[in-house]
Structures are given as C-alpha cells and as structure tokens.
Amino acid sequence: MLDEWLRHFLFVSMRWLHIVCTTLVVGGTLFFEFVVPIAVEDLKTESQLSVVGKARWVFKRVIWPSAILLLISGAASILRQWDAYTSQPHDLAVWSALAHVVLGIAALGIALMLTLPRTPPDRQIGWMRVNLAILLIAILCASITRYVRLNMVAETTVQQDDSQTLRGAIVGPVHGE
C-alpha cells in the first residue's frame, strides 16, 4: 500500500515538476524574445549590452536546472506511461510522444546553445523565435499524446454490454455490432 502511494506521489510530483520547468523555459524564452529587446531599444549600445548580458545570465541560471529537471521528469513519465503508449491499437500516442521528446530535446538544445558561449551568438532573437515555435509544437504534441492515451483508457474501461446501459434499455440492441 505504501509503495503504491509513493509511486502515485512521485508520478504526480514528476508531472508537476515537468509543467513548472516547461513554464520557466517557455516564459524565459518569451521574456528574452519580446520584453528584453523592447526594454533596451532606447538605451545606448553599452547599456544595451549590459542589460542583455545580465538577462542572458539570468536565463542561463533558469534554463540549465530546468533542462536537467525536464529530462529527468520526462524520462520518469515515459517509463510510467510506456505500457499505455504501446498497448494502443494505433500508434498515434507513440508517435506524438516521440515527437514531443524529439522537439523538447531540440528546444532545450537550442536554449542551452544560446547560453553556452560567453558572448551571445549571432541572431540570438531569431534563434529564440525558432525555439519558441519548437516549444509550442512540443507542447501540442504532449497534449495530443495525453488526449489519445486518456481517450483510449476511457474507451477500454467504458466498453460494456450495451443492453446493461440506459441507452441500451431505451434504444435496444444496435444491429451490425
């Protein structure tokens, strides 16, 4: 009983951690892409470089722990849900989960790449825009995966003899089933 409670607690905690870290990565990317350029546009070049450098330093302090925790919590979630993904009659859950993983790793790679060098890379804002698009598509893939997985679980648990339901009692047996 304790083992089951602990497993459920860890699963919910990992899911929460994954969502919080995703929020930090997406929020940091949005801030760096939209807020920082507007905030520094009226400053002198030296001041712009100073503000962007400090914002980049803060982004680095947020993105690195978030990336590590996203990988750990994502791996825990995949392991926990693997049977649900592979037992689907169609492969949509597996493919959307795979797309989520690949896009998520690509987005984290871009974000980490932007924070590694001491000086900002060329076209940093352009990379952030590409990264934001990848992050949003990865979130869409995660939503599709969850929907398919939950929908399939609901279909398999609800399938029962139709004559035992209210619909079956009113409509009667459906021909061709």
Protein backbone atom coordinates (compact mmCIF):
# COMPACT_ATOMS: atom_id res chain seq x y z
CA MET A 1 0.00 0.00 0.00
CA LEU A 2 2.81 2.41 0.85
CA ASP A 3 4.62 1.50 -2.35
CA GLU A 4 1.54 2.32 -4.41
CA TRP A 5 1.01 5.62 -2.56
CA LEU A 6 4.68 6.53 -3.07
CA ARG A 7 4.52 5.68 -6.79
CA HIS A 8 1.45 7.88 -7.25
CA PHE A 9 3.03 10.69 -5.27
CA LEU A 10 6.23 10.51 -7.32
CA PHE A 11 4.30 10.39 -10.60
CA VAL A 12 2.25 13.47 -9.69
CA SER A 13 5.38 15.24 -8.42
CA MET A 14 7.28 14.48 -11.64
CA ARG A 15 4.35 15.70 -13.72
CA TRP A 16 4.14 18.92 -11.69
CA LEU A 17 7.91 19.41 -11.98
CA HIS A 18 7.73 18.88 -15.75
CA ILE A 19 4.97 21.50 -16.09
CA VAL A 20 6.76 24.03 -13.86
CA CYS A 21 10.06 23.64 -15.71
CA THR A 22 8.28 23.90 -19.07
CA THR A 23 6.63 27.10 -17.87
CA LEU A 24 10.02 28.52 -16.86
CA VAL A 25 11.59 27.64 -20.21
CA VAL A 26 8.70 29.00 -22.30
CA GLY A 27 8.32 32.07 -20.07
CA GLY A 28 12.05 32.77 -20.16
CA THR A 29 12.09 32.42 -23.92
CA LEU A 30 9.11 34.77 -24.30
CA PHE A 31 10.70 37.30 -21.94
CA PHE A 32 14.04 37.17 -23.74
CA GLU A 33 12.39 37.43 -27.14
CA PHE A 34 9.74 40.09 -26.53
CA VAL A 35 10.49 42.06 -23.37
CA VAL A 36 14.27 42.49 -23.43
CA PRO A 37 14.53 43.93 -26.99
CA ILE A 38 11.80 46.49 -26.30
CA ALA A 39 13.24 47.36 -22.88
CA VAL A 40 16.71 48.13 -24.25
CA GLU A 41 15.86 49.82 -27.55
CA ASP A 42 16.16 53.36 -26.12
CA LEU A 43 19.44 52.67 -24.30
CA LYS A 44 22.94 53.39 -25.53
CA THR A 45 24.80 50.45 -27.04
CA GLU A 46 26.94 49.92 -23.93
CA SER A 47 23.86 49.88 -21.70
CA GLN A 48 22.05 47.56 -24.11
CA LEU A 49 24.92 45.08 -23.98
CA SER A 50 24.98 45.26 -20.18
CA VAL A 51 21.22 44.66 -19.81
CA VAL A 52 21.15 41.89 -22.40
CA GLY A 53 24.18 40.28 -20.77
CA LYS A 54 22.50 40.30 -17.35
CA ALA A 55 19.23 38.96 -18.78
CA ARG A 56 21.18 36.24 -20.57
CA TRP A 57 22.95 35.35 -17.32
CA VAL A 58 19.60 35.03 -15.50
CA PHE A 59 18.17 33.00 -18.40
CA LYS A 60 21.17 30.67 -18.15
CA ARG A 61 20.57 30.19 -14.42
CA VAL A 62 16.95 29.26 -15.15
CA ILE A 63 17.40 27.17 -18.30
CA TRP A 64 20.14 24.79 -17.12
CA PRO A 65 18.38 23.43 -14.00
CA SER A 66 15.07 23.41 -15.87
CA ALA A 67 16.59 21.40 -18.74
CA ILE A 68 18.04 18.82 -16.36
CA LEU A 69 14.79 18.51 -14.41
CA LEU A 70 12.76 18.31 -17.64
CA LEU A 71 14.88 15.40 -18.84
CA ILE A 72 14.54 13.57 -15.51
CA SER A 73 10.81 14.18 -15.14
CA GLY A 74 10.18 13.38 -18.81
CA ALA A 75 12.08 10.10 -18.56
CA ALA A 76 10.11 9.19 -15.42
CA SER A 77 6.84 9.96 -17.18
CA ILE A 78 7.76 7.95 -20.29
CA LEU A 79 8.72 4.97 -18.14
CA ARG A 80 5.49 5.24 -16.14
CA GLN A 81 3.30 5.54 -19.26
CA TRP A 82 5.17 3.20 -21.60
CA ASP A 83 2.66 0.35 -21.32
CA ALA A 84 -0.22 2.74 -22.05
CA TYR A 85 1.58 4.06 -25.12
CA THR A 86 2.48 0.66 -26.56
CA SER A 87 -0.87 -1.01 -25.83
CA GLN A 88 -2.79 1.40 -28.07
CA PRO A 89 -4.49 -0.16 -31.09
CA HIS A 90 -2.93 2.57 -33.22
CA ASP A 91 0.42 4.27 -32.94
CA LEU A 92 -0.71 7.89 -32.60
CA ALA A 93 0.17 8.01 -28.89
CA VAL A 94 3.65 6.61 -29.52
CA TRP A 95 4.35 8.93 -32.47
CA SER A 96 3.09 12.04 -30.70
CA ALA A 97 5.09 11.11 -27.58
CA LEU A 98 8.17 10.59 -29.73
CA ALA A 99 7.60 13.94 -31.46
CA HIS A 100 7.22 15.59 -28.03
CA VAL A 101 10.51 14.09 -26.85
CA VAL A 102 12.45 14.96 -30.02
CA LEU A 103 11.10 18.51 -30.22
CA GLY A 104 11.61 19.06 -26.49
CA ILE A 105 15.23 17.92 -26.66
CA ALA A 106 15.80 20.11 -29.74
CA ALA A 107 14.31 23.15 -27.97
CA LEU A 108 16.39 22.53 -24.86
CA GLY A 109 19.47 22.12 -27.05
CA ILE A 110 18.84 25.47 -28.73
CA ALA A 111 18.25 27.20 -25.40
CA LEU A 112 21.41 25.70 -23.91
CA MET A 113 23.36 26.57 -27.07
CA LEU A 114 22.32 30.20 -26.66
CA THR A 115 23.65 30.30 -23.09
CA LEU A 116 26.93 28.38 -23.51
CA PRO A 117 29.27 30.91 -25.15
CA ARG A 118 30.47 33.91 -23.17
CA THR A 119 29.20 36.24 -25.87
CA PRO A 120 25.72 36.00 -27.39
CA PRO A 121 25.60 34.16 -30.72
CA ASP A 122 24.63 35.94 -33.92
CA ARG A 123 20.89 36.26 -34.47
CA GLN A 124 20.06 35.38 -30.88
CA ILE A 125 16.50 36.73 -31.12
CA GLY A 126 15.92 34.75 -34.34
CA TRP A 127 17.04 31.57 -32.57
CA MET A 128 14.69 32.40 -29.70
CA ARG A 129 11.78 32.74 -32.13
CA VAL A 130 12.58 29.38 -33.70
CA ASN A 131 12.91 27.92 -30.23
CA LEU A 132 9.55 29.32 -29.15
CA ALA A 133 7.85 27.75 -32.18
CA ILE A 134 9.50 24.39 -31.42
CA LEU A 135 8.45 24.63 -27.76
CA LEU A 136 4.83 25.36 -28.68
CA ILE A 137 4.72 22.45 -31.14
CA ALA A 138 6.26 20.17 -28.48
CA ILE A 139 3.52 21.22 -26.05
CA LEU A 140 0.91 20.49 -28.72
CA CYS A 141 2.41 17.00 -29.20
CA ALA A 142 2.26 16.43 -25.44
CA SER A 143 -1.41 17.45 -25.44
CA ILE A 144 -2.18 15.08 -28.31
CA THR A 145 -0.34 12.26 -26.54
CA ARG A 146 -2.25 12.81 -23.31
CA TYR A 147 -5.59 13.08 -25.11
CA VAL A 148 -5.05 9.87 -27.08
CA ARG A 149 -3.82 7.99 -24.03
CA LEU A 150 -6.72 9.12 -21.83
CA ASN A 151 -9.26 8.62 -24.59
CA MET A 152 -8.06 5.08 -25.22
CA VAL A 153 -8.12 4.27 -21.50
CA ALA A 154 -11.67 5.67 -21.27
CA GLU A 155 -12.80 3.62 -24.28
CA THR A 156 -11.40 0.39 -22.88
CA THR A 157 -12.85 0.91 -19.40
CA VAL A 158 -16.29 2.03 -20.59
CA GLN A 159 -16.83 -0.76 -23.09
CA GLN A 160 -19.56 -2.87 -21.59
CA ASP A 161 -22.63 -4.72 -22.70
CA ASP A 162 -24.82 -2.01 -24.23
CA SER A 163 -28.01 -3.76 -23.11
CA GLN A 164 -26.97 -3.07 -19.50
CA THR A 165 -26.84 0.70 -20.03
CA LEU A 166 -29.67 3.21 -20.06
CA ARG A 167 -29.12 3.74 -23.79
CA GLY A 168 -29.34 0.00 -24.39
CA ALA A 169 -32.54 -0.25 -22.40
CA ILE A 170 -34.18 2.57 -24.36
CA VAL A 171 -32.81 2.01 -27.87
CA GLY A 172 -32.30 -1.74 -27.77
CA PRO A 173 -29.54 -3.69 -29.45
CA VAL A 174 -27.71 -1.95 -32.29
CA HIS A 175 -27.62 -4.06 -35.44
CA GLY A 176 -24.29 -4.79 -37.00
CA GLU A 177 -22.29 -4.87 -33.77
